[in-house]
């Protein structure tokens, strides 16, 4: 489990920021459109400070842009910041998919010998 102390120690780590399901859901909400902090908060049944903390972590990790308009803060996902992370995850998944394929082929050969 990722602790709050770990998050404070490495707030700029995108993987750590995405380790929290609520932050992943916030990112999904602002993936295609800019939304105000209030709009984001209304989508969750948690306190405003909890949403604010999650937005801060996402912003510090570079996954989210914040834009101020008067007294409002608008948030949008920064898709470009996810590109390096995407290639890292893709490489990791490719190894797992290759391993799964090999296991499935071995199982198929084993069953065909029966």
N, C-alpha and C. Protein backbone atom coordinates (compact mmCIF):
# COMPACT_ATOMS: atom_id res chain seq x y z
N UNK A 1 0.84 -1.18 0.00
CA UNK A 1 0.00 0.00 0.00
C UNK A 1 0.88 1.24 0.00
N UNK A 2 0.51 2.23 -0.77
CA UNK A 2 1.25 3.48 -0.86
C UNK A 2 0.78 4.40 0.26
N UNK A 3 1.72 4.89 1.04
CA UNK A 3 1.36 5.76 2.17
C UNK A 3 1.39 7.22 1.75
N UNK A 4 0.71 8.04 2.55
CA UNK A 4 0.73 9.48 2.29
C UNK A 4 2.15 10.03 2.39
N UNK A 5 2.96 9.47 3.30
CA UNK A 5 4.35 9.92 3.43
C UNK A 5 5.12 9.66 2.14
N UNK A 6 4.87 8.52 1.51
CA UNK A 6 5.54 8.21 0.24
C UNK A 6 5.11 9.19 -0.84
N UNK A 7 3.86 9.55 -0.84
CA UNK A 7 3.37 10.50 -1.84
C UNK A 7 4.02 11.86 -1.64
N UNK A 8 4.13 12.28 -0.39
CA UNK A 8 4.76 13.58 -0.13
C UNK A 8 6.25 13.54 -0.47
N UNK A 9 6.87 12.38 -0.30
CA UNK A 9 8.30 12.26 -0.57
C UNK A 9 8.60 12.31 -2.06
N UNK A 10 7.68 11.83 -2.90
CA UNK A 10 7.92 11.78 -4.34
C UNK A 10 6.68 12.24 -5.10
N UNK A 11 6.27 13.51 -4.90
CA UNK A 11 5.03 13.96 -5.52
C UNK A 11 5.09 14.06 -7.03
N UNK A 12 6.28 14.04 -7.60
CA UNK A 12 6.38 14.21 -9.05
C UNK A 12 6.41 12.88 -9.80
N UNK A 13 6.27 11.77 -9.10
CA UNK A 13 6.30 10.45 -9.74
C UNK A 13 4.92 10.11 -10.30
N UNK A 14 4.76 10.07 -11.63
CA UNK A 14 3.45 9.79 -12.22
C UNK A 14 2.91 8.41 -11.85
N UNK A 15 3.78 7.40 -11.75
CA UNK A 15 3.30 6.07 -11.37
C UNK A 15 2.73 6.07 -9.97
N UNK A 16 3.39 6.77 -9.08
CA UNK A 16 2.89 6.88 -7.71
C UNK A 16 1.56 7.64 -7.69
N UNK A 17 1.48 8.69 -8.48
CA UNK A 17 0.23 9.46 -8.56
C UNK A 17 -0.91 8.59 -9.06
N UNK A 18 -0.64 7.71 -10.02
CA UNK A 18 -1.68 6.87 -10.61
C UNK A 18 -1.97 5.62 -9.78
N UNK A 19 -1.23 5.43 -8.70
CA UNK A 19 -1.47 4.25 -7.87
C UNK A 19 -2.78 4.35 -7.09
N UNK A 20 -3.34 5.54 -7.02
CA UNK A 20 -4.58 5.76 -6.28
C UNK A 20 -5.78 5.70 -7.22
N UNK A 21 -6.76 4.84 -6.94
CA UNK A 21 -7.92 4.70 -7.83
C UNK A 21 -8.70 6.01 -8.02
N UNK A 22 -8.81 6.81 -6.98
CA UNK A 22 -9.55 8.07 -7.11
C UNK A 22 -8.84 9.02 -8.07
N UNK A 23 -7.51 9.06 -8.00
CA UNK A 23 -6.77 9.93 -8.93
C UNK A 23 -6.92 9.44 -10.36
N UNK A 24 -6.95 8.13 -10.55
CA UNK A 24 -7.18 7.60 -11.90
C UNK A 24 -8.56 8.01 -12.41
N UNK A 25 -9.55 7.99 -11.53
CA UNK A 25 -10.89 8.39 -11.93
C UNK A 25 -10.95 9.89 -12.22
N UNK A 26 -10.26 10.69 -11.43
CA UNK A 26 -10.20 12.14 -11.70
C UNK A 26 -9.58 12.37 -13.07
N UNK A 27 -8.50 11.67 -13.35
CA UNK A 27 -7.83 11.81 -14.64
C UNK A 27 -8.78 11.43 -15.78
N UNK A 28 -9.56 10.38 -15.59
CA UNK A 28 -10.54 9.98 -16.61
C UNK A 28 -11.58 11.09 -16.83
N UNK A 29 -12.02 11.72 -15.75
CA UNK A 29 -13.02 12.80 -15.86
C UNK A 29 -12.51 13.99 -16.67
N UNK A 30 -11.23 14.26 -16.57
CA UNK A 30 -10.67 15.45 -17.24
C UNK A 30 -9.82 15.08 -18.45
N UNK A 31 -9.97 13.85 -18.91
CA UNK A 31 -9.19 13.38 -20.06
C UNK A 31 -9.54 14.13 -21.33
N UNK A 32 -10.82 14.33 -21.58
CA UNK A 32 -11.27 14.92 -22.84
C UNK A 32 -11.78 16.34 -22.71
N UNK A 33 -11.99 16.78 -21.49
CA UNK A 33 -12.51 18.13 -21.32
C UNK A 33 -11.99 18.77 -20.04
N UNK A 34 -11.86 20.05 -20.10
CA UNK A 34 -11.45 20.82 -18.94
C UNK A 34 -12.64 20.92 -17.99
N UNK A 35 -12.38 20.72 -16.71
CA UNK A 35 -13.46 20.79 -15.72
C UNK A 35 -13.00 21.59 -14.51
N UNK A 36 -13.95 22.24 -13.89
CA UNK A 36 -13.62 23.00 -12.68
C UNK A 36 -13.42 22.05 -11.52
N UNK A 37 -12.72 22.55 -10.51
CA UNK A 37 -12.50 21.74 -9.32
C UNK A 37 -13.83 21.34 -8.69
N UNK A 38 -14.79 22.25 -8.69
CA UNK A 38 -16.11 21.95 -8.14
C UNK A 38 -16.81 20.84 -8.90
N UNK A 39 -16.73 20.86 -10.23
CA UNK A 39 -17.33 19.80 -11.05
C UNK A 39 -16.69 18.45 -10.72
N UNK A 40 -15.39 18.47 -10.58
CA UNK A 40 -14.67 17.24 -10.26
C UNK A 40 -15.11 16.73 -8.88
N UNK A 41 -15.17 17.63 -7.91
CA UNK A 41 -15.53 17.24 -6.55
C UNK A 41 -16.95 16.66 -6.48
N UNK A 42 -17.86 17.20 -7.28
CA UNK A 42 -19.24 16.70 -7.26
C UNK A 42 -19.36 15.27 -7.77
N UNK A 43 -18.38 14.80 -8.48
CA UNK A 43 -18.41 13.43 -9.00
C UNK A 43 -18.03 12.38 -7.95
N UNK A 44 -17.63 12.83 -6.76
CA UNK A 44 -17.15 11.92 -5.72
C UNK A 44 -17.88 12.17 -4.41
N UNK A 45 -17.97 11.14 -3.61
CA UNK A 45 -18.59 11.24 -2.30
C UNK A 45 -17.50 11.32 -1.23
N UNK A 46 -16.64 12.32 -1.38
CA UNK A 46 -15.56 12.55 -0.40
C UNK A 46 -15.49 14.06 -0.14
N UNK A 47 -14.69 14.42 0.83
CA UNK A 47 -14.58 15.83 1.20
C UNK A 47 -13.84 16.63 0.12
N UNK A 48 -14.10 17.93 0.12
CA UNK A 48 -13.40 18.83 -0.80
C UNK A 48 -11.89 18.78 -0.57
N UNK A 49 -11.39 18.78 0.70
CA UNK A 49 -9.94 18.69 0.90
C UNK A 49 -9.33 17.42 0.29
N UNK A 50 -10.07 16.32 0.31
CA UNK A 50 -9.55 15.08 -0.28
C UNK A 50 -9.38 15.24 -1.79
N UNK A 51 -10.36 15.86 -2.45
CA UNK A 51 -10.26 16.10 -3.90
C UNK A 51 -9.13 17.08 -4.19
N UNK A 52 -9.04 18.11 -3.39
CA UNK A 52 -7.99 19.11 -3.57
C UNK A 52 -6.60 18.47 -3.46
N UNK A 53 -6.43 17.59 -2.48
CA UNK A 53 -5.15 16.88 -2.29
C UNK A 53 -4.83 16.03 -3.52
N UNK A 54 -5.82 15.31 -4.01
CA UNK A 54 -5.60 14.46 -5.19
C UNK A 54 -5.27 15.29 -6.42
N UNK A 55 -5.94 16.42 -6.60
CA UNK A 55 -5.63 17.30 -7.73
C UNK A 55 -4.20 17.84 -7.61
N UNK A 56 -3.80 18.17 -6.39
CA UNK A 56 -2.44 18.68 -6.17
C UNK A 56 -1.41 17.62 -6.57
N UNK A 57 -1.63 16.38 -6.16
CA UNK A 57 -0.70 15.30 -6.49
C UNK A 57 -0.63 15.10 -8.01
N UNK A 58 -1.78 15.10 -8.65
CA UNK A 58 -1.81 14.94 -10.11
C UNK A 58 -1.09 16.09 -10.81
N UNK A 59 -1.29 17.29 -10.30
CA UNK A 59 -0.65 18.47 -10.89
C UNK A 59 0.87 18.41 -10.68
N UNK A 60 1.30 18.09 -9.48
CA UNK A 60 2.74 18.03 -9.18
C UNK A 60 3.44 16.91 -9.94
N UNK A 61 2.69 15.87 -10.28
CA UNK A 61 3.29 14.77 -11.04
C UNK A 61 3.33 15.07 -12.54
N UNK A 62 2.74 16.21 -12.94
CA UNK A 62 2.75 16.61 -14.33
C UNK A 62 1.65 15.99 -15.17
N UNK A 63 0.72 15.29 -14.53
CA UNK A 63 -0.34 14.62 -15.27
C UNK A 63 -1.52 15.53 -15.57
N UNK A 64 -1.59 16.67 -14.89
CA UNK A 64 -2.73 17.57 -15.00
C UNK A 64 -2.24 19.01 -15.11
N UNK A 65 -2.92 19.78 -15.96
CA UNK A 65 -2.69 21.22 -16.06
C UNK A 65 -3.79 21.94 -15.31
N UNK A 66 -3.42 22.99 -14.63
CA UNK A 66 -4.39 23.84 -13.94
C UNK A 66 -4.39 25.20 -14.61
N UNK A 67 -5.59 25.72 -14.85
CA UNK A 67 -5.72 27.05 -15.43
C UNK A 67 -6.67 27.85 -14.55
N UNK A 68 -6.26 29.05 -14.21
CA UNK A 68 -7.10 29.91 -13.37
C UNK A 68 -7.86 30.89 -14.24
N UNK A 69 -9.16 30.96 -13.95
CA UNK A 69 -10.04 31.92 -14.62
C UNK A 69 -10.79 32.63 -13.50
N UNK A 70 -10.41 33.85 -13.22
CA UNK A 70 -10.98 34.56 -12.08
C UNK A 70 -10.66 33.80 -10.80
N UNK A 71 -11.69 33.41 -10.05
CA UNK A 71 -11.48 32.65 -8.83
C UNK A 71 -11.59 31.15 -9.05
N UNK A 72 -11.90 30.74 -10.26
CA UNK A 72 -12.05 29.32 -10.56
C UNK A 72 -10.73 28.71 -11.01
N UNK A 73 -10.59 27.44 -10.73
CA UNK A 73 -9.46 26.66 -11.23
C UNK A 73 -10.01 25.57 -12.12
N UNK A 74 -9.48 25.52 -13.33
CA UNK A 74 -9.92 24.52 -14.30
C UNK A 74 -8.79 23.52 -14.52
N UNK A 75 -9.16 22.25 -14.63
CA UNK A 75 -8.18 21.18 -14.74
C UNK A 75 -8.42 20.37 -16.01
N UNK A 76 -7.30 19.94 -16.60
CA UNK A 76 -7.35 19.08 -17.78
C UNK A 76 -6.15 18.14 -17.75
N UNK A 77 -6.37 16.92 -18.19
CA UNK A 77 -5.28 15.94 -18.25
C UNK A 77 -4.24 16.38 -19.27
N UNK A 78 -2.99 16.18 -18.95
CA UNK A 78 -1.90 16.47 -19.89
C UNK A 78 -1.50 15.15 -20.53
N UNK A 79 -2.09 14.88 -21.68
CA UNK A 79 -1.84 13.60 -22.36
C UNK A 79 -0.38 13.44 -22.76
N UNK A 80 0.27 14.53 -23.10
CA UNK A 80 1.69 14.43 -23.52
C UNK A 80 2.56 13.89 -22.39
N UNK A 81 2.23 14.23 -21.16
CA UNK A 81 3.05 13.77 -20.04
C UNK A 81 2.93 12.26 -19.83
N UNK A 82 1.89 11.66 -20.39
CA UNK A 82 1.70 10.22 -20.23
C UNK A 82 2.45 9.40 -21.28
N UNK A 83 2.96 10.04 -22.32
CA UNK A 83 3.63 9.28 -23.38
C UNK A 83 4.81 8.45 -22.87
N UNK A 84 5.72 9.01 -22.07
CA UNK A 84 6.82 8.17 -21.57
C UNK A 84 6.31 7.02 -20.70
N UNK A 85 5.29 7.29 -19.93
CA UNK A 85 4.71 6.27 -19.08
C UNK A 85 4.04 5.19 -19.94
N UNK A 86 3.39 5.60 -21.01
CA UNK A 86 2.73 4.65 -21.91
C UNK A 86 3.74 3.68 -22.50
N UNK A 87 4.89 4.19 -22.96
CA UNK A 87 5.87 3.30 -23.56
C UNK A 87 6.45 2.35 -22.51
N UNK A 88 6.64 2.82 -21.30
CA UNK A 88 7.13 1.97 -20.21
C UNK A 88 6.14 0.85 -19.93
N UNK A 89 4.85 1.19 -19.79
CA UNK A 89 3.82 0.19 -19.51
C UNK A 89 3.65 -0.77 -20.69
N UNK A 90 3.73 -0.25 -21.89
CA UNK A 90 3.59 -1.09 -23.08
C UNK A 90 4.70 -2.15 -23.11
N UNK A 91 5.94 -1.74 -22.81
CA UNK A 91 7.05 -2.71 -22.78
C UNK A 91 6.82 -3.76 -21.69
N UNK A 92 6.34 -3.33 -20.54
CA UNK A 92 6.08 -4.24 -19.45
C UNK A 92 4.97 -5.22 -19.83
N UNK A 93 3.88 -4.72 -20.42
CA UNK A 93 2.76 -5.58 -20.81
C UNK A 93 3.15 -6.53 -21.93
N UNK A 94 3.99 -6.08 -22.86
CA UNK A 94 4.40 -6.95 -23.96
C UNK A 94 5.09 -8.20 -23.42
N UNK A 95 5.95 -8.03 -22.43
CA UNK A 95 6.61 -9.20 -21.84
C UNK A 95 5.58 -10.15 -21.23
N UNK A 96 4.61 -9.58 -20.51
CA UNK A 96 3.58 -10.42 -19.89
C UNK A 96 2.71 -11.09 -20.95
N UNK A 97 2.36 -10.38 -21.99
CA UNK A 97 1.54 -10.96 -23.07
C UNK A 97 2.32 -12.07 -23.77
N UNK A 98 3.60 -11.84 -24.01
CA UNK A 98 4.43 -12.88 -24.63
C UNK A 98 4.49 -14.12 -23.74
N UNK A 99 4.65 -13.91 -22.45
CA UNK A 99 4.70 -15.03 -21.50
C UNK A 99 3.36 -15.77 -21.47
N UNK A 100 2.27 -15.04 -21.49
CA UNK A 100 0.94 -15.64 -21.51
C UNK A 100 0.74 -16.47 -22.79
N UNK A 101 1.18 -15.92 -23.92
CA UNK A 101 1.07 -16.65 -25.19
C UNK A 101 1.84 -17.96 -25.12
N UNK A 102 3.06 -17.93 -24.59
CA UNK A 102 3.87 -19.15 -24.48
C UNK A 102 3.19 -20.18 -23.57
N UNK A 103 2.63 -19.73 -22.46
CA UNK A 103 1.93 -20.64 -21.56
C UNK A 103 0.70 -21.25 -22.23
N UNK A 104 -0.06 -20.43 -22.97
CA UNK A 104 -1.24 -20.92 -23.67
C UNK A 104 -0.86 -21.93 -24.74
N UNK A 105 0.23 -21.68 -25.47
CA UNK A 105 0.68 -22.62 -26.50
C UNK A 105 1.13 -23.93 -25.87
N UNK A 106 1.83 -23.84 -24.75
CA UNK A 106 2.28 -25.06 -24.07
C UNK A 106 1.08 -25.86 -23.57
N UNK A 107 0.09 -25.18 -23.03
CA UNK A 107 -1.13 -25.85 -22.56
C UNK A 107 -1.86 -26.51 -23.73
N UNK A 108 -1.92 -25.84 -24.86
CA UNK A 108 -2.58 -26.39 -26.05
C UNK A 108 -1.85 -27.64 -26.52
N UNK A 109 -0.51 -27.61 -26.54
CA UNK A 109 0.27 -28.79 -26.94
C UNK A 109 0.03 -29.94 -25.97
N UNK A 110 -0.01 -29.64 -24.68
CA UNK A 110 -0.23 -30.65 -23.67
C UNK A 110 -1.59 -31.32 -23.85
N UNK A 111 -2.62 -30.53 -24.12
CA UNK A 111 -3.97 -31.07 -24.31
C UNK A 111 -4.09 -31.87 -25.61
N UNK A 112 -3.37 -31.46 -26.64
CA UNK A 112 -3.47 -32.17 -27.92
C UNK A 112 -2.76 -33.52 -27.87
N UNK A 113 -1.87 -33.73 -26.92
CA UNK A 113 -1.16 -35.01 -26.77
C UNK A 113 -2.04 -36.05 -26.09
N UNK A 114 -3.12 -35.65 -25.48
CA UNK A 114 -4.00 -36.59 -24.76
C UNK A 114 -4.71 -37.50 -25.69
